[in-house]
Amino acid sequence: MRWNKWVRQTHRWLSVAFTVTVVAATVAVLTQAEPAAWVYYLPLLPLFLLLGTGLYLFVLPYVTRGRARRGAARAS
């Protein structure tokens, strides 16, 4: 159970990091005549990490429901 809590908390902080990087990249694009190419790719790292944790959190209820059903079937 602690693992799930850690993933959920990581997902929340990654969303904050993603939002900050998108805002920073937008400000950089608007304030500079021609920003460096890496500025456009800056939000991708938190986005890919959000994808991983988000997919884990999405699948989690289905996995736990399946485990509960198997446990109930064994008890019968």
Protein backbone atom coordinates (compact mmCIF):
# COMPACT_ATOMS: atom_id res chain seq x y z
CA MET A 1 0.00 0.00 0.00
CA ARG A 2 2.87 2.38 0.66
CA TRP A 3 4.07 1.90 -2.92
CA ASN A 4 0.73 3.17 -4.28
CA LYS A 5 0.86 6.21 -2.02
CA TRP A 6 4.40 7.00 -3.19
CA VAL A 7 3.40 6.75 -6.87
CA ARG A 8 0.35 8.97 -6.30
CA GLN A 9 2.45 11.62 -4.53
CA THR A 10 5.11 11.46 -7.25
CA HIS A 11 2.40 11.92 -9.88
CA ARG A 12 1.12 15.03 -8.10
CA TRP A 13 4.58 16.61 -7.89
CA LEU A 14 5.33 15.71 -11.50
CA SER A 15 2.19 17.55 -12.55
CA VAL A 16 3.48 20.65 -10.74
CA ALA A 17 6.89 20.27 -12.42
CA PHE A 18 5.24 19.85 -15.81
CA THR A 19 3.12 22.96 -15.34
CA VAL A 20 6.15 25.01 -14.29
CA THR A 21 8.19 23.85 -17.29
CA VAL A 22 5.36 24.63 -19.71
CA VAL A 23 4.98 28.12 -18.25
CA ALA A 24 8.75 28.67 -18.34
CA ALA A 25 8.99 27.48 -21.94
CA THR A 26 6.09 29.71 -22.96
CA VAL A 27 7.69 32.73 -21.29
CA ALA A 28 11.01 31.94 -22.98
CA VAL A 29 9.35 31.69 -26.38
CA LEU A 30 7.43 34.94 -25.92
CA THR A 31 10.33 36.97 -24.56
CA GLN A 32 13.14 35.87 -26.86
CA ALA A 33 13.35 36.58 -30.55
CA GLU A 34 14.46 33.02 -31.32
CA PRO A 35 14.78 30.72 -28.30
CA ALA A 36 17.08 27.71 -28.26
CA ALA A 37 15.63 24.49 -29.64
CA TRP A 38 15.92 22.68 -26.29
CA VAL A 39 13.37 25.07 -24.74
CA TYR A 40 10.63 23.39 -26.78
CA TYR A 41 11.65 19.95 -25.48
CA LEU A 42 11.94 20.96 -21.84
CA PRO A 43 8.42 19.83 -20.77
CA LEU A 44 8.82 16.37 -22.32
CA LEU A 45 10.70 14.74 -19.42
CA PRO A 46 8.01 15.44 -16.79
CA LEU A 47 5.36 14.58 -19.38
CA PHE A 48 6.80 11.11 -20.03
CA LEU A 49 7.15 10.50 -16.30
CA LEU A 50 3.53 11.61 -15.85
CA LEU A 51 2.54 9.13 -18.54
CA GLY A 52 4.19 6.28 -16.67
CA THR A 53 2.74 7.10 -13.26
CA GLY A 54 -0.65 7.94 -14.77
CA LEU A 55 -0.88 4.60 -16.56
CA TYR A 56 0.07 2.82 -13.34
CA LEU A 57 -2.63 4.68 -11.42
CA PHE A 58 -5.15 4.01 -14.20
CA VAL A 59 -4.55 0.25 -14.19
CA LEU A 60 -4.31 -0.08 -10.40
CA PRO A 61 -8.07 -0.41 -9.63
CA TYR A 62 -8.50 -3.13 -12.25
CA VAL A 63 -5.55 -5.13 -10.91
CA THR A 64 -6.69 -4.88 -7.30
CA ARG A 65 -10.26 -5.83 -8.29
CA GLY A 66 -8.93 -8.91 -10.07
CA ARG A 67 -6.83 -9.88 -7.06
CA ALA A 68 -9.83 -9.48 -4.76
CA ARG A 69 -11.96 -11.71 -6.99
CA ARG A 70 -9.30 -14.40 -7.10
CA GLY A 71 -8.94 -14.25 -3.33
CA ALA A 72 -12.70 -14.59 -2.86
CA ALA A 73 -12.81 -17.55 -5.27
CA ARG A 74 -10.09 -19.35 -3.31
CA ALA A 75 -11.89 -18.79 0.00
CA SER A 76 -15.11 -20.41 -1.35
